[in-house]
């Protein structure tokens, strides 16, 4: 893991800790859900995954967030000046993505 990634993860952890501490101080109900999807869903079709999440009770804002996260993602290969056409990603979760508390809370 490179220094930039470590700093990014540390910053997101501090933001999360600040929000949780503030919520607890304000006597608010506080729940944290940390999910690492990078390996668990490498070959799962996005529509099947969204359907399963709905089936198991994920609804509303949470389901909408997952849908937006997985939709309209493309990949391509670039080697020097040669670039392939973009292809829509229909399955798997982008590697190196961060599902951090800061991203989810926006």
Protein backbone atom coordinates (compact mmCIF):
# COMPACT_ATOMS: atom_id res chain seq x y z
CA UNK A 1 0.00 0.00 0.00
CA UNK A 2 1.46 3.34 -1.02
CA UNK A 3 1.71 6.43 1.18
CA UNK A 4 -1.08 8.29 -0.63
CA UNK A 5 -3.54 5.44 0.00
CA UNK A 6 -2.52 5.23 3.67
CA UNK A 7 -3.06 8.97 4.10
CA UNK A 8 -6.43 8.79 2.34
CA UNK A 9 -7.62 5.90 4.53
CA UNK A 10 -6.34 7.64 7.66
CA UNK A 11 -8.15 10.87 6.73
CA UNK A 12 -11.41 9.02 6.11
CA UNK A 13 -11.03 7.20 9.43
CA UNK A 14 -10.58 10.52 11.24
CA UNK A 15 -13.66 12.00 9.54
CA UNK A 16 -15.69 8.96 10.53
CA UNK A 17 -14.43 9.09 14.12
CA UNK A 18 -15.30 12.79 14.34
CA UNK A 19 -18.85 12.18 13.07
CA UNK A 20 -19.42 9.22 15.41
CA UNK A 21 -18.02 11.10 18.42
CA UNK A 22 -20.24 14.11 17.66
CA UNK A 23 -23.32 11.89 17.28
CA UNK A 24 -22.60 10.11 20.57
CA UNK A 25 -22.05 13.47 22.33
CA UNK A 26 -25.44 14.59 20.98
CA UNK A 27 -26.98 11.35 22.31
CA UNK A 28 -27.98 10.27 18.79
CA UNK A 29 -28.39 6.64 17.77
CA UNK A 30 -25.09 5.75 16.11
CA UNK A 31 -24.48 2.79 13.83
CA UNK A 32 -21.41 1.98 11.75
CA UNK A 33 -21.39 -0.43 8.85
CA UNK A 34 -18.03 -1.18 7.27
CA UNK A 35 -18.11 -3.28 4.12
CA UNK A 36 -15.19 -4.37 1.96
CA UNK A 37 -16.70 -5.40 -1.36
CA UNK A 38 -13.43 -5.62 -3.28
CA UNK A 39 -13.10 -9.42 -3.14
CA UNK A 40 -16.57 -10.62 -2.20
CA UNK A 41 -18.29 -9.61 -5.41
CA UNK A 42 -15.62 -9.87 -8.13
CA UNK A 43 -17.85 -11.91 -10.46
CA UNK A 44 -21.36 -11.07 -9.31
CA UNK A 45 -23.65 -9.45 -11.89
CA UNK A 46 -24.68 -5.98 -10.65
CA UNK A 47 -28.40 -6.52 -11.25
CA UNK A 48 -28.33 -9.85 -9.39
CA UNK A 49 -26.45 -8.23 -6.50
CA UNK A 50 -28.95 -5.35 -6.28
CA UNK A 51 -31.85 -7.80 -6.41
CA UNK A 52 -30.33 -9.87 -3.58
CA UNK A 53 -29.69 -6.78 -1.47
CA UNK A 54 -33.35 -5.79 -1.91
CA UNK A 55 -34.48 -9.33 -1.08
CA UNK A 56 -32.51 -9.25 2.18
CA UNK A 57 -34.02 -5.95 3.29
CA UNK A 58 -31.68 -3.29 1.93
CA UNK A 59 -34.05 -0.54 0.78
CA UNK A 60 -34.33 3.20 0.28
CA UNK A 61 -31.23 5.34 0.50
CA UNK A 62 -28.90 2.38 1.08
CA UNK A 63 -30.11 0.47 -1.99
CA UNK A 64 -30.06 3.66 -4.06
CA UNK A 65 -26.46 4.28 -2.98
CA UNK A 66 -25.38 0.77 -4.05
CA UNK A 67 -27.23 1.20 -7.35
CA UNK A 68 -25.50 4.51 -8.09
CA UNK A 69 -22.14 3.08 -7.02
CA UNK A 70 -22.43 0.12 -9.40
CA UNK A 71 -24.14 1.83 -12.35
CA UNK A 72 -22.55 3.55 -15.32
CA UNK A 73 -19.01 2.35 -14.64
CA UNK A 74 -16.68 1.79 -17.57
CA UNK A 75 -13.18 0.45 -18.03
CA UNK A 76 -10.57 0.69 -20.74
CA UNK A 77 -6.95 -0.17 -21.34
CA UNK A 78 -4.32 2.43 -22.20
CA UNK A 79 -0.79 1.51 -23.29
CA UNK A 80 1.33 4.50 -24.26
CA UNK A 81 -0.72 6.32 -26.94
CA UNK A 82 -3.06 3.40 -27.70
CA UNK A 83 -6.41 3.41 -25.90
CA UNK A 84 -9.11 0.76 -26.20
CA UNK A 85 -12.79 1.58 -26.42
CA UNK A 86 -14.65 1.90 -23.14
CA UNK A 87 -16.61 -1.13 -22.01
CA UNK A 88 -19.40 -0.99 -19.45
CA UNK A 89 -18.68 -2.95 -16.26
CA UNK A 90 -21.58 -5.33 -15.68
CA UNK A 91 -20.16 -7.38 -12.83
CA UNK A 92 -17.66 -7.08 -10.03
CA UNK A 93 -16.72 -4.13 -7.87
CA UNK A 94 -13.98 -1.73 -9.04
CA UNK A 95 -10.64 -2.65 -7.51
CA UNK A 96 -9.01 0.02 -5.40
CA UNK A 97 -12.31 1.70 -4.66
CA UNK A 98 -12.90 2.99 -1.18
CA UNK A 99 -16.32 2.63 0.36
CA UNK A 100 -15.40 4.93 3.15
CA UNK A 101 -17.67 6.53 5.70
CA UNK A 102 -17.03 9.95 4.16
CA UNK A 103 -18.28 8.79 0.75
CA UNK A 104 -21.35 7.08 2.20
CA UNK A 105 -22.32 10.04 4.37
CA UNK A 106 -22.45 12.51 1.43
